[in-house]
Amino acid sequence: MYKTVKDSEVVLSQLMLPSHSNFDGKIHGGFLLNLMDQIAFASASKFSGSYCVTASVDRVDFLNPIEVGELVTLKSSINYVGNSSMVIGIRVEAQNIQTDVVKHCNSSYFTMVAKKEGFPVKVPRLILKNEEEIRRFYNSINRIQFRKTRENIEVKTDFTSEKSIQFLVENYDLKVEI
């Protein structure tokens, strides 16, 4: 079965209340992450027709603070499909409802896995319909390859070798006492 990116699109808007904020009137990052996880679940489940779980979150940068009283809109859609995994792209914007000014606050990528009875299940294949969808698919492939390379480097590096310790001492003004 094949599905399009449109088959995964979800939009979620929520007014930011004082209960969502810290003492400075800015929205807690954890609250925003919760909303992002919810919309990633909704997109992945809508696309796959299955229950989905979060496997990983790739880079969350809080670009602009979100204030109490702003309307936050999250937009999500599928960027990549594997066998049972899907990468969901999420864009977060906040709108000042008095001035109508909209700001980009966050973009992130959630890897979701479709499951049935606790086991991964195959997801539909993806139909790419324009250059933007192709670009997003390729960017997801690059992020996946980068993550695998990074994991390989971490596993193969002997962090306690004399060379590694010397690098830390010379470049990070540390003392290492082991």
Protein backbone atom coordinates (compact mmCIF):
# COMPACT_ATOMS: atom_id res chain seq x y z
CA MET A 1 0.00 0.00 0.00
CA TYR A 2 1.17 3.52 -0.83
CA LYS A 3 0.19 6.76 0.87
CA THR A 4 1.06 10.41 0.38
CA VAL A 5 2.56 12.95 2.75
CA LYS A 6 -0.91 14.55 2.93
CA ASP A 7 -2.18 11.32 4.50
CA SER A 8 -0.01 12.12 7.54
CA GLU A 9 -0.61 15.85 7.96
CA VAL A 10 -1.88 17.05 11.33
CA VAL A 11 -2.28 20.57 12.70
CA LEU A 12 -2.68 21.26 16.41
CA SER A 13 -3.28 24.70 17.93
CA GLN A 14 -3.37 25.56 21.60
CA LEU A 15 -3.54 28.80 23.56
CA MET A 16 -0.65 29.08 26.01
CA LEU A 17 -1.86 29.54 29.58
CA PRO A 18 -0.07 30.61 32.77
CA SER A 19 -0.12 26.98 33.94
CA HIS A 20 2.18 26.12 30.97
CA SER A 21 4.81 28.69 31.91
CA ASN A 22 7.83 29.18 34.08
CA PHE A 23 8.32 32.10 36.49
CA ASP A 24 9.40 34.36 33.63
CA GLY A 25 6.16 33.89 31.67
CA LYS A 26 7.81 31.71 29.03
CA ILE A 27 6.33 28.33 28.11
CA HIS A 28 8.15 25.33 29.60
CA GLY A 29 10.19 23.40 27.02
CA GLY A 30 8.88 20.17 28.51
CA PHE A 31 5.29 21.23 27.89
CA LEU A 32 6.15 21.99 24.27
CA LEU A 33 7.94 18.63 23.91
CA ASN A 34 4.79 16.92 25.18
CA LEU A 35 2.71 18.64 22.48
CA MET A 36 5.31 17.70 19.86
CA ASP A 37 5.22 14.07 20.95
CA GLN A 38 1.43 14.06 20.72
CA ILE A 39 1.37 15.46 17.19
CA ALA A 40 4.15 13.10 16.06
CA PHE A 41 2.08 10.19 17.40
CA ALA A 42 -1.01 11.50 15.59
CA SER A 43 0.82 11.88 12.25
CA ALA A 44 2.52 8.50 12.44
CA SER A 45 -0.65 6.69 13.52
CA LYS A 46 -2.72 8.45 10.85
CA PHE A 47 -0.21 7.44 8.16
CA SER A 48 0.44 3.89 9.33
CA GLY A 49 -2.98 2.97 10.68
CA SER A 50 -1.18 1.52 13.69
CA TYR A 51 -0.34 2.36 17.27
CA CYS A 52 3.02 4.14 17.26
CA VAL A 53 5.73 4.78 19.81
CA THR A 54 8.49 7.37 19.91
CA ALA A 55 11.87 5.82 19.11
CA SER A 56 13.97 8.99 19.07
CA VAL A 57 13.87 12.74 18.84
CA ASP A 58 16.42 14.37 16.57
CA ARG A 59 17.58 17.77 17.71
CA VAL A 60 15.22 20.13 19.45
CA ASP A 61 16.32 23.74 19.23
CA PHE A 62 14.17 26.35 20.94
CA LEU A 63 14.61 29.22 18.50
CA ASN A 64 12.25 31.80 20.02
CA PRO A 65 10.51 31.82 23.40
CA ILE A 66 6.76 31.31 23.55
CA GLU A 67 4.84 33.69 25.78
CA VAL A 68 1.72 33.16 27.85
CA GLY A 69 -1.28 34.23 25.77
CA GLU A 70 0.20 33.25 22.41
CA LEU A 71 -1.50 30.75 20.14
CA VAL A 72 0.89 27.90 19.39
CA THR A 73 0.37 25.93 16.19
CA LEU A 74 2.20 22.68 15.52
CA LYS A 75 2.24 21.26 11.99
CA SER A 76 3.43 17.75 11.31
CA SER A 77 3.85 15.42 8.38
CA ILE A 78 5.83 12.37 7.42
CA ASN A 79 9.28 12.94 5.91
CA TYR A 80 10.59 9.38 5.64
CA VAL A 81 9.46 5.77 5.93
CA GLY A 82 11.52 2.70 6.72
CA ASN A 83 10.14 -0.78 7.31
CA SER A 84 8.31 0.01 10.55
CA SER A 85 9.76 3.42 11.33
CA MET A 86 8.73 6.85 10.17
CA VAL A 87 10.36 10.25 10.55
CA ILE A 88 7.82 12.93 11.36
CA GLY A 89 8.80 16.55 10.76
CA ILE A 90 7.27 19.10 13.14
CA ARG A 91 7.17 22.88 12.83
CA VAL A 92 6.12 24.99 15.81
CA GLU A 93 4.93 28.56 15.42
CA ALA A 94 3.57 31.01 17.97
CA GLN A 95 1.17 33.80 17.10
CA ASN A 96 0.59 36.88 19.18
CA ILE A 97 -3.20 37.05 18.91
CA GLN A 98 -3.26 40.79 19.58
CA THR A 99 -0.68 41.86 16.97
CA ASP A 100 -1.06 38.87 14.60
CA VAL A 101 2.75 38.49 14.51
CA VAL A 102 3.81 34.86 13.91
CA LYS A 103 7.25 33.55 14.85
CA HIS A 104 8.95 30.23 14.12
CA CYS A 105 9.82 28.69 17.49
CA ASN A 106 11.00 25.18 16.76
CA SER A 107 11.48 22.50 14.13
CA SER A 108 12.18 18.92 15.07
CA TYR A 109 12.12 15.36 13.78
CA PHE A 110 10.59 12.48 15.71
CA THR A 111 11.24 8.88 14.71
CA MET A 112 8.14 6.83 15.39
CA VAL A 113 7.73 3.05 15.14
CA ALA A 114 4.45 1.36 14.22
CA LYS A 115 3.55 -1.54 16.50
CA LYS A 116 0.93 -4.21 16.92
CA GLU A 117 0.80 -6.37 20.03
CA GLY A 118 4.21 -5.03 21.02
CA PHE A 119 5.98 -5.89 17.76
CA PRO A 120 7.02 -3.60 14.91
CA VAL A 121 4.76 -3.75 11.84
CA LYS A 122 5.39 -2.71 8.26
CA VAL A 123 4.21 0.78 7.35
CA PRO A 124 2.80 1.90 3.99
CA ARG A 125 5.26 3.06 1.37
CA LEU A 126 5.47 6.75 0.59
CA ILE A 127 4.48 8.60 -2.58
CA LEU A 128 6.60 11.72 -3.04
CA LYS A 129 4.79 14.36 -5.10
CA ASN A 130 7.07 17.41 -5.24
CA GLU A 131 10.64 18.65 -4.78
CA GLU A 132 10.01 19.67 -1.16
CA GLU A 133 8.91 16.14 -0.22
CA ILE A 134 11.95 14.67 -2.00
CA ARG A 135 14.25 17.14 -0.18
CA ARG A 136 12.76 16.21 3.20
CA PHE A 137 13.14 12.49 2.45
CA TYR A 138 16.82 12.94 1.50
CA ASN A 139 17.46 15.10 4.57
CA SER A 140 16.01 12.34 6.75
CA ILE A 141 18.33 9.80 5.12
CA ASN A 142 21.28 12.10 5.86
CA ARG A 143 20.26 12.53 9.52
CA ILE A 144 19.88 8.73 9.90
CA GLN A 145 23.31 8.12 8.35
CA PHE A 146 24.88 10.83 10.51
CA ARG A 147 23.37 9.29 13.66
CA LYS A 148 24.73 5.84 12.70
CA THR A 149 28.19 7.31 12.03
CA ARG A 150 28.13 9.15 15.38
CA GLU A 151 27.12 5.96 17.21
CA ASN A 152 29.95 4.09 15.50
CA ILE A 153 32.49 6.74 16.54
CA GLU A 154 31.28 6.64 20.16
CA VAL A 155 31.56 2.86 20.32
CA LYS A 156 35.01 2.63 18.70
CA THR A 157 36.73 5.47 20.57
CA ASP A 158 38.82 4.60 23.61
CA PHE A 159 38.05 7.61 25.76
CA THR A 160 40.58 6.67 28.41
CA SER A 161 43.59 6.38 26.09
CA GLU A 162 46.47 8.75 26.78
CA LYS A 163 45.80 10.54 23.47
CA SER A 164 42.12 11.09 24.30
CA ILE A 165 42.90 12.40 27.77
CA GLN A 166 45.65 14.67 26.43
CA PHE A 167 43.15 16.09 23.91
CA LEU A 168 40.71 16.92 26.74
CA VAL A 169 43.36 18.53 28.92
CA GLU A 170 44.79 20.66 26.07
CA ASN A 171 41.50 21.75 24.52
CA TYR A 172 39.06 22.05 27.44
CA ASP A 173 41.19 23.27 30.32
CA LEU A 174 40.50 20.15 32.42
CA LYS A 175 42.35 18.03 34.90
CA VAL A 176 41.83 14.31 34.54
CA GLU A 177 42.65 12.23 37.60
CA ILE A 178 42.19 8.53 36.91
